[in-house]
Amino acid sequence: MKVELTKFKVQKGKSKIVDEWLLFLNENMKETLVTLEQEKMYIETIFREVNQGEEYLYWYSVQGEGGQEVEESENWIDKKHLAYWEECIDKTFTPIDLEMQVSMIPDHIKKNMI
């Protein structure tokens, strides 16, 4: 099982598109959750931060081994999600993977995730 938290920078001037992106995911949650099963993505949460005029998105995820990569998906939700990604994420910024220190997942839940 992989537990990750990664920080990505949003391109300048793309905040309104990010608003649209996050609204799209929220409004299509039922369909979005279906795509997560193929990825063995048990939890995926997106956080947003503005710090000193720069905007960042943080992805927190708990994922099982051997899932399909989102880039391999033929699902329309994933294709739209990746299109927003391409438009909004600053490729000149090296994503920052935060180092996990403690993961608190009860065994009875973890057992169902593997």
PDB file of N, CA and C in Angstrom:
ATOM      1  N   MET A   1       0.846  -1.176   0.000  1.00  0.00           N
ATOM      2  CA  MET A   1       0.000   0.000   0.000  1.00  0.00           C
ATOM      3  C   MET A   1       0.892   1.240   0.000  1.00  0.00           C
ATOM      4  N   LYS A   2       0.525   2.226  -0.815  1.00  0.00           N
ATOM      5  CA  LYS A   2       1.256   3.492  -0.931  1.00  0.00           C
ATOM      6  C   LYS A   2       0.429   4.611  -0.305  1.00  0.00           C
ATOM      7  N   VAL A   3       1.040   5.359   0.602  1.00  0.00           N
ATOM      8  CA  VAL A   3       0.416   6.547   1.180  1.00  0.00           C
ATOM      9  C   VAL A   3       1.288   7.722   0.769  1.00  0.00           C
ATOM     10  N   GLU A   4       0.687   8.695   0.075  1.00  0.00           N
ATOM     11  CA  GLU A   4       1.476   9.805  -0.460  1.00  0.00           C
ATOM     12  C   GLU A   4       0.791  11.148  -0.212  1.00  0.00           C
ATOM     13  N   LEU A   5       1.624  12.176  -0.083  1.00  0.00           N
ATOM     14  CA  LEU A   5       1.173  13.557  -0.073  1.00  0.00           C
ATOM     15  C   LEU A   5       2.167  14.341  -0.918  1.00  0.00           C
ATOM     16  N   THR A   6       1.692  14.921  -2.012  1.00  0.00           N
ATOM     17  CA  THR A   6       2.566  15.621  -2.952  1.00  0.00           C
ATOM     18  C   THR A   6       2.030  17.021  -3.213  1.00  0.00           C
ATOM     19  N   LYS A   7       2.949  17.965  -3.281  1.00  0.00           N
ATOM     20  CA  LYS A   7       2.627  19.372  -3.526  1.00  0.00           C
ATOM     21  C   LYS A   7       2.958  19.719  -4.974  1.00  0.00           C
ATOM     22  N   PHE A   8       1.970  20.318  -5.670  1.00  0.00           N
ATOM     23  CA  PHE A   8       2.138  20.767  -7.052  1.00  0.00           C
ATOM     24  C   PHE A   8       1.818  22.260  -7.111  1.00  0.00           C
ATOM     25  N   LYS A   9       2.522  22.968  -7.965  1.00  0.00           N
ATOM     26  CA  LYS A   9       2.282  24.400  -8.133  1.00  0.00           C
ATOM     27  C   LYS A   9       1.321  24.618  -9.297  1.00  0.00           C
ATOM     28  N   VAL A  10       0.400  25.564  -9.104  1.00  0.00           N
ATOM     29  CA  VAL A  10      -0.549  25.952 -10.140  1.00  0.00           C
ATOM     30  C   VAL A  10       0.088  27.068 -10.976  1.00  0.00           C
ATOM     31  N   GLN A  11      -0.095  27.006 -12.277  1.00  0.00           N
ATOM     32  CA  GLN A  11       0.403  28.066 -13.162  1.00  0.00           C
ATOM     33  C   GLN A  11      -0.280  29.391 -12.826  1.00  0.00           C
ATOM     34  N   LYS A  12       0.462  30.459 -12.943  1.00  0.00           N
ATOM     35  CA  LYS A  12      -0.112  31.798 -12.715  1.00  0.00           C
ATOM     36  C   LYS A  12      -1.277  32.031 -13.668  1.00  0.00           C
ATOM     37  N   GLY A  13      -2.334  32.634 -13.153  1.00  0.00           N
ATOM     38  CA  GLY A  13      -3.489  32.973 -13.970  1.00  0.00           C
ATOM     39  C   GLY A  13      -4.459  31.813 -14.188  1.00  0.00           C
ATOM     40  N   LYS A  14      -4.251  30.690 -13.548  1.00  0.00           N
ATOM     41  CA  LYS A  14      -5.111  29.513 -13.768  1.00  0.00           C
ATOM     42  C   LYS A  14      -6.057  29.230 -12.600  1.00  0.00           C
ATOM     43  N   SER A  15      -6.161  30.136 -11.647  1.00  0.00           N
ATOM     44  CA  SER A  15      -7.011  29.897 -10.474  1.00  0.00           C
ATOM     45  C   SER A  15      -8.469  29.643 -10.839  1.00  0.00           C
ATOM     46  N   LYS A  16      -8.994  30.392 -11.782  1.00  0.00           N
ATOM     47  CA  LYS A  16     -10.399  30.186 -12.173  1.00  0.00           C
ATOM     48  C   LYS A  16     -10.590  28.833 -12.848  1.00  0.00           C
ATOM     49  N   ILE A  17      -9.594  28.371 -13.592  1.00  0.00           N
ATOM     50  CA  ILE A  17      -9.670  27.044 -14.218  1.00  0.00           C
ATOM     51  C   ILE A  17      -9.573  25.965 -13.129  1.00  0.00           C
ATOM     52  N   VAL A  18      -8.749  26.200 -12.106  1.00  0.00           N
ATOM     53  CA  VAL A  18      -8.677  25.262 -10.988  1.00  0.00           C
ATOM     54  C   VAL A  18     -10.028  25.195 -10.284  1.00  0.00           C
ATOM     55  N   ASP A  19     -10.683  26.357 -10.095  1.00  0.00           N
ATOM     56  CA  ASP A  19     -12.038  26.369  -9.515  1.00  0.00           C
ATOM     57  C   ASP A  19     -12.957  25.457 -10.325  1.00  0.00           C
ATOM     58  N   GLU A  20     -12.901  25.612 -11.632  1.00  0.00           N
ATOM     59  CA  GLU A  20     -13.727  24.821 -12.550  1.00  0.00           C
ATOM     60  C   GLU A  20     -13.385  23.329 -12.431  1.00  0.00           C
ATOM     61  N   TRP A  21     -12.098  23.009 -12.368  1.00  0.00           N
ATOM     62  CA  TRP A  21     -11.612  21.638 -12.269  1.00  0.00           C
ATOM     63  C   TRP A  21     -12.148  20.953 -11.006  1.00  0.00           C
ATOM     64  N   LEU A  22     -11.983  21.636  -9.862  1.00  0.00           N
ATOM     65  CA  LEU A  22     -12.405  21.046  -8.596  1.00  0.00           C
ATOM     66  C   LEU A  22     -13.929  20.925  -8.531  1.00  0.00           C
ATOM     67  N   LEU A  23     -14.632  21.898  -9.097  1.00  0.00           N
ATOM     68  CA  LEU A  23     -16.088  21.817  -9.176  1.00  0.00           C
ATOM     69  C   LEU A  23     -16.503  20.637 -10.052  1.00  0.00           C
ATOM     70  N   PHE A  24     -15.814  20.448 -11.171  1.00  0.00           N
ATOM     71  CA  PHE A  24     -16.077  19.314 -12.064  1.00  0.00           C
ATOM     72  C   PHE A  24     -15.951  17.992 -11.310  1.00  0.00           C
ATOM     73  N   LEU A  25     -14.873  17.836 -10.547  1.00  0.00           N
ATOM     74  CA  LEU A  25     -14.686  16.594  -9.797  1.00  0.00           C
ATOM     75  C   LEU A  25     -15.784  16.407  -8.757  1.00  0.00           C
ATOM     76  N   ASN A  26     -16.115  17.479  -8.039  1.00  0.00           N
ATOM     77  CA  ASN A  26     -17.172  17.392  -7.029  1.00  0.00           C
ATOM     78  C   ASN A  26     -18.538  17.102  -7.638  1.00  0.00           C
ATOM     79  N   GLU A  27     -18.833  17.720  -8.754  1.00  0.00           N
ATOM     80  CA  GLU A  27     -20.142  17.526  -9.389  1.00  0.00           C
ATOM     81  C   GLU A  27     -20.275  16.160 -10.058  1.00  0.00           C
ATOM     82  N   ASN A  28     -19.162  15.524 -10.352  1.00  0.00           N
ATOM     83  CA  ASN A  28     -19.163  14.208 -11.003  1.00  0.00           C
ATOM     84  C   ASN A  28     -18.573  13.136 -10.084  1.00  0.00           C
ATOM     85  N   MET A  29     -18.807  13.286  -8.789  1.00  0.00           N
ATOM     86  CA  MET A  29     -18.174  12.407  -7.810  1.00  0.00           C
ATOM     87  C   MET A  29     -18.538  10.943  -8.011  1.00  0.00           C
ATOM     88  N   LYS A  30     -19.788  10.650  -8.306  1.00  0.00           N
ATOM     89  CA  LYS A  30     -20.192   9.254  -8.479  1.00  0.00           C
ATOM     90  C   LYS A  30     -19.364   8.585  -9.581  1.00  0.00           C
ATOM     91  N   GLU A  31     -19.230   9.247 -10.725  1.00  0.00           N
ATOM     92  CA  GLU A  31     -18.457   8.711 -11.839  1.00  0.00           C
ATOM     93  C   GLU A  31     -16.954   8.703 -11.525  1.00  0.00           C
ATOM     94  N   THR A  32     -16.507   9.713 -10.804  1.00  0.00           N
ATOM     95  CA  THR A  32     -15.100   9.804 -10.435  1.00  0.00           C
ATOM     96  C   THR A  32     -14.706   8.639  -9.532  1.00  0.00           C
ATOM     97  N   LEU A  33     -15.545   8.311  -8.576  1.00  0.00           N
ATOM     98  CA  LEU A  33     -15.243   7.218  -7.648  1.00  0.00           C
ATOM     99  C   LEU A  33     -15.126   5.882  -8.374  1.00  0.00           C
ATOM    100  N   VAL A  34     -15.895   5.703  -9.440  1.00  0.00           N
ATOM    101  CA  VAL A  34     -15.807   4.467 -10.224  1.00  0.00           C
ATOM    102  C   VAL A  34     -14.409   4.330 -10.827  1.00  0.00           C
ATOM    103  N   THR A  35     -13.839   5.416 -11.302  1.00  0.00           N
ATOM    104  CA  THR A  35     -12.509   5.350 -11.928  1.00  0.00           C
ATOM    105  C   THR A  35     -11.427   5.010 -10.915  1.00  0.00           C
ATOM    106  N   LEU A  36     -11.637   5.386  -9.652  1.00  0.00           N
ATOM    107  CA  LEU A  36     -10.629   5.116  -8.625  1.00  0.00           C
ATOM    108  C   LEU A  36     -10.447   3.621  -8.379  1.00  0.00           C
ATOM    109  N   GLU A  37     -11.504   2.862  -8.569  1.00  0.00           N
ATOM    110  CA  GLU A  37     -11.417   1.421  -8.345  1.00  0.00           C
ATOM    111  C   GLU A  37     -10.393   0.767  -9.271  1.00  0.00           C
ATOM    112  N   GLN A  38     -10.366   1.189 -10.539  1.00  0.00           N
ATOM    113  CA  GLN A  38      -9.405   0.634 -11.494  1.00  0.00           C
ATOM    114  C   GLN A  38      -7.963   0.930 -11.070  1.00  0.00           C
ATOM    115  N   GLU A  39      -7.780   2.060 -10.418  1.00  0.00           N
ATOM    116  CA  GLU A  39      -6.451   2.489  -9.975  1.00  0.00           C
ATOM    117  C   GLU A  39      -6.065   1.896  -8.622  1.00  0.00           C
ATOM    118  N   LYS A  40      -7.005   1.180  -8.001  1.00  0.00           N
ATOM    119  CA  LYS A  40      -6.836   0.707  -6.622  1.00  0.00           C
ATOM    120  C   LYS A  40      -6.526   1.885  -5.702  1.00  0.00           C
ATOM    121  N   MET A  41      -7.190   3.006  -6.003  1.00  0.00           N
ATOM    122  CA  MET A  41      -7.034   4.224  -5.224  1.00  0.00           C
ATOM    123  C   MET A  41      -8.137   4.220  -4.165  1.00  0.00           C
ATOM    124  N   TYR A  42      -7.731   4.004  -2.915  1.00  0.00           N
ATOM    125  CA  TYR A  42      -8.707   3.902  -1.838  1.00  0.00           C
ATOM    126  C   TYR A  42      -9.130   5.262  -1.318  1.00  0.00           C
ATOM    127  N   ILE A  43      -8.180   6.179  -1.283  1.00  0.00           N
ATOM    128  CA  ILE A  43      -8.465   7.543  -0.833  1.00  0.00           C
ATOM    129  C   ILE A  43      -7.674   8.489  -1.724  1.00  0.00           C
ATOM    130  N   GLU A  44      -8.341   9.503  -2.235  1.00  0.00           N
ATOM    131  CA  GLU A  44      -7.643  10.562  -2.971  1.00  0.00           C
ATOM    132  C   GLU A  44      -8.306  11.873  -2.567  1.00  0.00           C
ATOM    133  N   THR A  45      -7.510  12.758  -2.021  1.00  0.00           N
ATOM    134  CA  THR A  45      -8.007  14.032  -1.521  1.00  0.00           C
ATOM    135  C   THR A  45      -7.124  15.141  -2.063  1.00  0.00           C
ATOM    136  N   ILE A  46      -7.738  16.227  -2.506  1.00  0.00           N
ATOM    137  CA  ILE A  46      -6.991  17.362  -3.039  1.00  0.00           C
ATOM    138  C   ILE A  46      -7.179  18.545  -2.090  1.00  0.00           C
ATOM    139  N   PHE A  47      -6.067  19.129  -1.674  1.00  0.00           N
ATOM    140  CA  PHE A  47      -6.073  20.326  -0.837  1.00  0.00           C
ATOM    141  C   PHE A  47      -5.535  21.479  -1.677  1.00  0.00           C
ATOM    142  N   ARG A  48      -5.937  22.678  -1.310  1.00  0.00           N
ATOM    143  CA  ARG A  48      -5.527  23.878  -2.049  1.00  0.00           C
ATOM    144  C   ARG A  48      -4.936  24.892  -1.079  1.00  0.00           C
ATOM    145  N   GLU A  49      -3.872  25.561  -1.513  1.00  0.00           N
ATOM    146  CA  GLU A  49      -3.211  26.556  -0.673  1.00  0.00           C
ATOM    147  C   GLU A  49      -2.772  27.739  -1.537  1.00  0.00           C
ATOM    148  N   VAL A  50      -2.906  28.932  -0.987  1.00  0.00           N
ATOM    149  CA  VAL A  50      -2.274  30.111  -1.574  1.00  0.00           C
ATOM    150  C   VAL A  50      -1.308  30.616  -0.512  1.00  0.00           C
ATOM    151  N   ASN A  51      -0.026  30.718  -0.901  1.00  0.00           N
ATOM    152  CA  ASN A  51       1.014  31.118   0.031  1.00  0.00           C
ATOM    153  C   ASN A  51       1.906  32.141  -0.657  1.00  0.00           C
ATOM    154  N   GLN A  52       1.957  33.336  -0.113  1.00  0.00           N
ATOM    155  CA  GLN A  52       2.764  34.427  -0.647  1.00  0.00           C
ATOM    156  C   GLN A  52       2.486  34.652  -2.135  1.00  0.00           C
ATOM    157  N   GLY A  53       1.202  34.611  -2.483  1.00  0.00           N
ATOM    158  CA  GLY A  53       0.782  34.887  -3.849  1.00  0.00           C
ATOM    159  C   GLY A  53       0.916  33.723  -4.817  1.00  0.00           C
ATOM    160  N   GLU A  54       1.424  32.597  -4.369  1.00  0.00           N
ATOM    161  CA  GLU A  54       1.563  31.406  -5.209  1.00  0.00           C
ATOM    162  C   GLU A  54       0.502  30.390  -4.800  1.00  0.00           C
ATOM    163  N   GLU A  55      -0.046  29.708  -5.795  1.00  0.00           N
ATOM    164  CA  GLU A  55      -1.101  28.735  -5.517  1.00  0.00           C
ATOM    165  C   GLU A  55      -0.569  27.318  -5.706  1.00  0.00           C
ATOM    166  N   TYR A  56      -0.984  26.440  -4.782  1.00  0.00           N
ATOM    167  CA  TYR A  56      -0.527  25.052  -4.795  1.00  0.00           C
ATOM    168  C   TYR A  56      -1.712  24.118  -4.592  1.00  0.00           C
ATOM    169  N   LEU A  57      -1.589  22.932  -5.171  1.00  0.00           N
ATOM    170  CA  LEU A  57      -2.522  21.846  -4.909  1.00  0.00           C
ATOM    171  C   LEU A  57      -1.721  20.715  -4.278  1.00  0.00           C
ATOM    172  N   TYR A  58      -2.308  20.112  -3.276  1.00  0.00           N
ATOM    173  CA  TYR A  58      -1.692  18.977  -2.599  1.00  0.00           C
ATOM    174  C   TYR A  58      -2.571  17.751  -2.840  1.00  0.00           C
ATOM    175  N   TRP A  59      -1.955  16.665  -3.242  1.00  0.00           N
ATOM    176  CA  TRP A  59      -2.667  15.395  -3.452  1.00  0.00           C
ATOM    177  C   TRP A  59      -2.286  14.446  -2.328  1.00  0.00           C
ATOM    178  N   TYR A  60      -3.299  14.021  -1.569  1.00  0.00           N
ATOM    179  CA  TYR A  60      -3.114  12.988  -0.557  1.00  0.00           C
ATOM    180  C   TYR A  60      -3.790  11.738  -1.075  1.00  0.00           C
ATOM    181  N   SER A  61      -3.073  10.613  -1.042  1.00  0.00           N
ATOM    182  CA  SER A  61      -3.680   9.384  -1.549  1.00  0.00           C
ATOM    183  C   SER A  61      -3.211   8.166  -0.780  1.00  0.00           C
ATOM    184  N   VAL A  62      -4.108   7.196  -0.750  1.00  0.00           N
ATOM    185  CA  VAL A  62      -3.806   5.866  -0.227  1.00  0.00           C
ATOM    186  C   VAL A  62      -4.193   4.919  -1.352  1.00  0.00           C
ATOM    187  N   GLN A  63      -3.205   4.187  -1.857  1.00  0.00           N
ATOM    188  CA  GLN A  63      -3.405   3.377  -3.060  1.00  0.00           C
ATOM    189  C   GLN A  63      -2.827   1.980  -2.867  1.00  0.00           C
ATOM    190  N   GLY A  64      -3.551   0.988  -3.373  1.00  0.00           N
ATOM    191  CA  GLY A  64      -3.072  -0.385  -3.357  1.00  0.00           C
ATOM    192  C   GLY A  64      -2.079  -0.609  -4.485  1.00  0.00           C
ATOM    193  N   GLU A  65      -1.444  -1.741  -4.466  1.00  0.00           N
ATOM    194  CA  GLU A  65      -0.443  -2.091  -5.483  1.00  0.00           C
ATOM    195  C   GLU A  65      -1.120  -2.619  -6.751  1.00  0.00           C
ATOM    196  N   GLY A  66      -0.529  -2.331  -7.897  1.00  0.00           N
ATOM    197  CA  GLY A  66      -0.964  -2.928  -9.158  1.00  0.00           C
ATOM    198  C   GLY A  66      -2.166  -2.285  -9.813  1.00  0.00           C
ATOM    199  N   GLY A  67      -2.530  -1.105  -9.410  1.00  0.00           N
ATOM    200  CA  GLY A  67      -3.655  -0.430 -10.042  1.00  0.00           C
ATOM    201  C   GLY A  67      -3.282   0.186 -11.380  1.00  0.00           C
ATOM    202  N   GLN A  68      -4.295   0.459 -12.178  1.00  0.00           N
ATOM    203  CA  GLN A  68      -4.096   1.098 -13.480  1.00  0.00           C
ATOM    204  C   GLN A  68      -3.664   2.557 -13.279  1.00  0.00           C
ATOM    205  N   GLU A  69      -2.726   3.009 -14.095  1.00  0.00           N
ATOM    206  CA  GLU A  69      -2.325   4.417 -14.059  1.00  0.00           C
ATOM    207  C   GLU A  69      -3.443   5.261 -14.665  1.00  0.00           C
ATOM    208  N   VAL A  70      -3.682   6.430 -14.103  1.00  0.00           N
ATOM    209  CA  VAL A  70      -4.758   7.292 -14.607  1.00  0.00           C
ATOM    210  C   VAL A  70      -4.533   7.635 -16.081  1.00  0.00           C
ATOM    211  N   GLU A  71      -3.270   7.739 -16.487  1.00  0.00           N
ATOM    212  CA  GLU A  71      -2.945   8.072 -17.877  1.00  0.00           C
ATOM    213  C   GLU A  71      -3.345   6.963 -18.853  1.00  0.00           C
ATOM    214  N   GLU A  72      -3.544   5.757 -18.360  1.00  0.00           N
ATOM    215  CA  GLU A  72      -3.929   4.623 -19.197  1.00  0.00           C
ATOM    216  C   GLU A  72      -5.443   4.479 -19.337  1.00  0.00           C
ATOM    217  N   SER A  73      -6.184   5.246 -18.568  1.00  0.00           N
ATOM    218  CA  SER A  73      -7.635   5.122 -18.536  1.00  0.00           C
ATOM    219  C   SER A  73      -8.277   5.667 -19.807  1.00  0.00           C
ATOM    220  N   GLU A  74      -9.338   5.005 -20.231  1.00  0.00           N
ATOM    221  CA  GLU A  74     -10.142   5.471 -21.361  1.00  0.00           C
ATOM    222  C   GLU A  74     -11.412   6.176 -20.880  1.00  0.00           C
ATOM    223  N   ASN A  75     -11.590   6.290 -19.578  1.00  0.00           N
ATOM    224  CA  ASN A  75     -12.784   6.900 -18.998  1.00  0.00           C
ATOM    225  C   ASN A  75     -12.797   8.412 -19.260  1.00  0.00           C
ATOM    226  N   TRP A  76     -13.954   8.928 -19.627  1.00  0.00           N
ATOM    227  CA  TRP A  76     -14.083  10.361 -19.948  1.00  0.00           C
ATOM    228  C   TRP A  76     -13.745  11.251 -18.751  1.00  0.00           C
ATOM    229  N   ILE A  77     -14.040  10.794 -17.544  1.00  0.00           N
ATOM    230  CA  ILE A  77     -13.718  11.587 -16.341  1.00  0.00           C
ATOM    231  C   ILE A  77     -12.199  11.750 -16.229  1.00  0.00           C
ATOM    232  N   ASP A  78     -11.473  10.642 -16.400  1.00  0.00           N
ATOM    233  CA  ASP A  78     -10.018  10.699 -16.307  1.00  0.00           C
ATOM    234  C   ASP A  78      -9.413  11.559 -17.408  1.00  0.00           C
ATOM    235  N   LYS A  79      -9.960  11.457 -18.616  1.00  0.00           N
ATOM    236  CA  LYS A  79      -9.439  12.277 -19.728  1.00  0.00           C
ATOM    237  C   LYS A  79      -9.635  13.768 -19.445  1.00  0.00           C
ATOM    238  N   LYS A  80     -10.812  14.126 -18.929  1.00  0.00           N
ATOM    239  CA  LYS A  80     -11.098  15.535 -18.589  1.00  0.00           C
ATOM    240  C   LYS A  80     -10.197  15.986 -17.426  1.00  0.00           C
ATOM    241  N   HIS A  81     -10.044  15.123 -16.434  1.00  0.00           N
ATOM    242  CA  HIS A  81      -9.186  15.416 -15.283  1.00  0.00           C
ATOM    243  C   HIS A  81      -7.747  15.684 -15.742  1.00  0.00           C
ATOM    244  N   LEU A  82      -7.227  14.851 -16.630  1.00  0.00           N
ATOM    245  CA  LEU A  82      -5.871  15.040 -17.136  1.00  0.00           C
ATOM    246  C   LEU A  82      -5.744  16.292 -18.005  1.00  0.00           C
ATOM    247  N   ALA A  83      -6.804  16.644 -18.715  1.00  0.00           N
ATOM    248  CA  ALA A  83      -6.787  17.882 -19.509  1.00  0.00           C
ATOM    249  C   ALA A  83      -6.676  19.100 -18.587  1.00  0.00           C
ATOM    250  N   TYR A  84      -7.432  19.091 -17.491  1.00  0.00           N
ATOM    251  CA  TYR A  84      -7.312  20.175 -16.500  1.00  0.00           C
ATOM    252  C   TYR A  84      -5.887  20.194 -15.930  1.00  0.00           C
ATOM    253  N   TRP A  85      -5.358  19.020 -15.622  1.00  0.00           N
ATOM    254  CA  TRP A  85      -3.999  18.910 -15.081  1.00  0.00           C
ATOM    255  C   TRP A  85      -3.010  19.590 -16.028  1.00  0.00           C
ATOM    256  N   GLU A  86      -3.078  19.219 -17.298  1.00  0.00           N
ATOM    257  CA  GLU A  86      -2.153  19.783 -18.297  1.00  0.00           C
ATOM    258  C   GLU A  86      -2.275  21.299 -18.389  1.00  0.00           C
ATOM    259  N   GLU A  87      -3.487  21.802 -18.257  1.00  0.00           N
ATOM    260  CA  GLU A  87      -3.702  23.244 -18.374  1.00  0.00           C
ATOM    261  C   GLU A  87      -3.273  24.009 -17.123  1.00  0.00           C
ATOM    262  N   CYS A  88      -3.350  23.389 -15.955  1.00  0.00           N
ATOM    263  CA  CYS A  88      -3.193  24.133 -14.709  1.00  0.00           C
ATOM    264  C   CYS A  88      -1.885  23.915 -13.953  1.00  0.00           C
ATOM    265  N   ILE A  89      -1.309  22.736 -14.040  1.00  0.00           N
ATOM    266  CA  ILE A  89      -0.136  22.439 -13.208  1.00  0.00           C
ATOM    267  C   ILE A  89       1.138  22.990 -13.859  1.00  0.00           C
ATOM    268  N   ASP A  90       1.925  23.684 -13.056  1.00  0.00           N
ATOM    269  CA  ASP A  90       3.177  24.304 -13.506  1.00  0.00           C
ATOM    270  C   ASP A  90       4.266  23.232 -13.624  1.00  0.00           C
ATOM    271  N   LYS A  91       4.655  22.931 -14.841  1.00  0.00           N
ATOM    272  CA  LYS A  91       5.648  21.882 -15.090  1.00  0.00           C
ATOM    273  C   LYS A  91       7.080  22.331 -14.781  1.00  0.00           C
ATOM    274  N   THR A  92       7.277  23.643 -14.562  1.00  0.00           N
ATOM    275  CA  THR A  92       8.617  24.125 -14.215  1.00  0.00           C
ATOM    276  C   THR A  92       8.906  23.952 -12.723  1.00  0.00           C
ATOM    277  N   PHE A  93       7.879  23.638 -11.942  1.00  0.00           N
ATOM    278  CA  PHE A  93       8.018  23.429 -10.504  1.00  0.00           C
ATOM    279  C   PHE A  93       8.154  21.929 -10.235  1.00  0.00           C
ATOM    280  N   THR A  94       9.210  21.543  -9.556  1.00  0.00           N
ATOM    281  CA  THR A  94       9.393  20.134  -9.211  1.00  0.00           C
ATOM    282  C   THR A  94       8.435  19.784  -8.076  1.00  0.00           C
ATOM    283  N   PRO A  95       7.528  18.821  -8.308  1.00  0.00           N
ATOM    284  CA  PRO A  95       6.596  18.434  -7.242  1.00  0.00           C
ATOM    285  C   PRO A  95       7.360  18.014  -5.983  1.00  0.00           C
ATOM    286  N   ILE A  96       6.785  18.312  -4.844  1.00  0.00           N
ATOM    287  CA  ILE A  96       7.411  17.983  -3.570  1.00  0.00           C
ATOM    288  C   ILE A  96       6.626  16.857  -2.915  1.00  0.00           C
ATOM    289  N   ASP A  97       7.298  15.729  -2.729  1.00  0.00           N
ATOM    290  CA  ASP A  97       6.706  14.603  -2.006  1.00  0.00           C
ATOM    291  C   ASP A  97       7.040  14.778  -0.534  1.00  0.00           C
ATOM    292  N   LEU A  98       6.010  14.951   0.277  1.00  0.00           N
ATOM    293  CA  LEU A  98       6.237  15.071   1.707  1.00  0.00           C
ATOM    294  C   LEU A  98       6.517  13.682   2.271  1.00  0.00           C
ATOM    295  N   GLU A  99       7.370  13.622   3.259  1.00  0.00           N
ATOM    296  CA  GLU A  99       7.789  12.336   3.815  1.00  0.00           C
ATOM    297  C   GLU A  99       6.840  11.916   4.931  1.00  0.00           C
ATOM    298  N   MET A 100       6.213  10.763   4.736  1.00  0.00           N
ATOM    299  CA  MET A 100       5.285  10.255   5.737  1.00  0.00           C
ATOM    300  C   MET A 100       6.062   9.818   6.970  1.00  0.00           C
ATOM    301  N   GLN A 101       5.551  10.179   8.110  1.00  0.00           N
ATOM    302  CA  GLN A 101       6.164   9.794   9.374  1.00  0.00           C
ATOM    303  C   GLN A 101       5.320   8.754  10.111  1.00  0.00           C
ATOM    304  N   VAL A 102       4.002   8.886  10.008  1.00  0.00           N
ATOM    305  CA  VAL A 102       3.093   7.982  10.694  1.00  0.00           C
ATOM    306  C   VAL A 102       1.858   7.824   9.828  1.00  0.00           C
ATOM    307  N   SER A 103       1.390   6.594   9.676  1.00  0.00           N
ATOM    308  CA  SER A 103       0.130   6.335   8.987  1.00  0.00           C
ATOM    309  C   SER A 103      -0.773   5.585   9.960  1.00  0.00           C
ATOM    310  N   MET A 104      -1.907   6.173  10.280  1.00  0.00           N
ATOM    311  CA  MET A 104      -2.812   5.576  11.247  1.00  0.00           C
ATOM    312  C   MET A 104      -4.056   5.050  10.532  1.00  0.00           C
ATOM    313  N   ILE A 105      -3.968   3.808  10.119  1.00  0.00           N
ATOM    314  CA  ILE A 105      -5.096   3.130   9.474  1.00  0.00           C
ATOM    315  C   ILE A 105      -5.343   1.861  10.280  1.00  0.00           C
ATOM    316  N   PRO A 106      -6.504   1.757  10.913  1.00  0.00           N
ATOM    317  CA  PRO A 106      -6.778   0.558  11.703  1.00  0.00           C
ATOM    318  C   PRO A 106      -6.676  -0.707  10.850  1.00  0.00           C
ATOM    319  N   ASP A 107      -6.209  -1.792  11.464  1.00  0.00           N
ATOM    320  CA  ASP A 107      -6.007  -3.057  10.754  1.00  0.00           C
ATOM    321  C   ASP A 107      -7.258  -3.540  10.054  1.00  0.00           C
ATOM    322  N   HIS A 108      -8.432  -3.393  10.689  1.00  0.00           N
ATOM    323  CA  HIS A 108      -9.662  -3.901  10.058  1.00  0.00           C
ATOM    324  C   HIS A 108     -10.001  -3.136   8.785  1.00  0.00           C
ATOM    325  N   ILE A 109      -9.550  -1.905   8.674  1.00  0.00           N
ATOM    326  CA  ILE A 109      -9.754  -1.134   7.435  1.00  0.00           C
ATOM    327  C   ILE A 109      -8.639  -1.474   6.446  1.00  0.00           C
ATOM    328  N   LYS A 110      -7.410  -1.517   6.923  1.00  0.00           N
ATOM    329  CA  LYS A 110      -6.265  -1.831   6.068  1.00  0.00           C
ATOM    330  C   LYS A 110      -6.448  -3.187   5.377  1.00  0.00           C
ATOM    331  N   LYS A 111      -7.009  -4.159   6.099  1.00  0.00           N
ATOM    332  CA  LYS A 111      -7.244  -5.492   5.563  1.00  0.00           C
ATOM    333  C   LYS A 111      -8.106  -5.444   4.304  1.00  0.00           C
ATOM    334  N   ASN A 112      -9.053  -4.528   4.251  1.00  0.00           N
ATOM    335  CA  ASN A 112      -9.945  -4.385   3.101  1.00  0.00           C
ATOM    336  C   ASN A 112      -9.325  -3.578   1.977  1.00  0.00           C
ATOM    337  N   MET A 113      -8.181  -2.976   2.219  1.00  0.00           N
ATOM    338  CA  MET A 113      -7.536  -2.125   1.226  1.00  0.00           C
ATOM    339  C   MET A 113      -6.483  -2.885   0.419  1.00  0.00           C
ATOM    340  N   ILE A 114      -6.056  -4.007   0.888  1.00  0.00           N
ATOM    341  CA  ILE A 114      -4.952  -4.719   0.229  1.00  0.00           C
ATOM    342  C   ILE A 114      -5.484  -5.672  -0.812  1.00  0.00           C
TER     343      ILE A 114
END
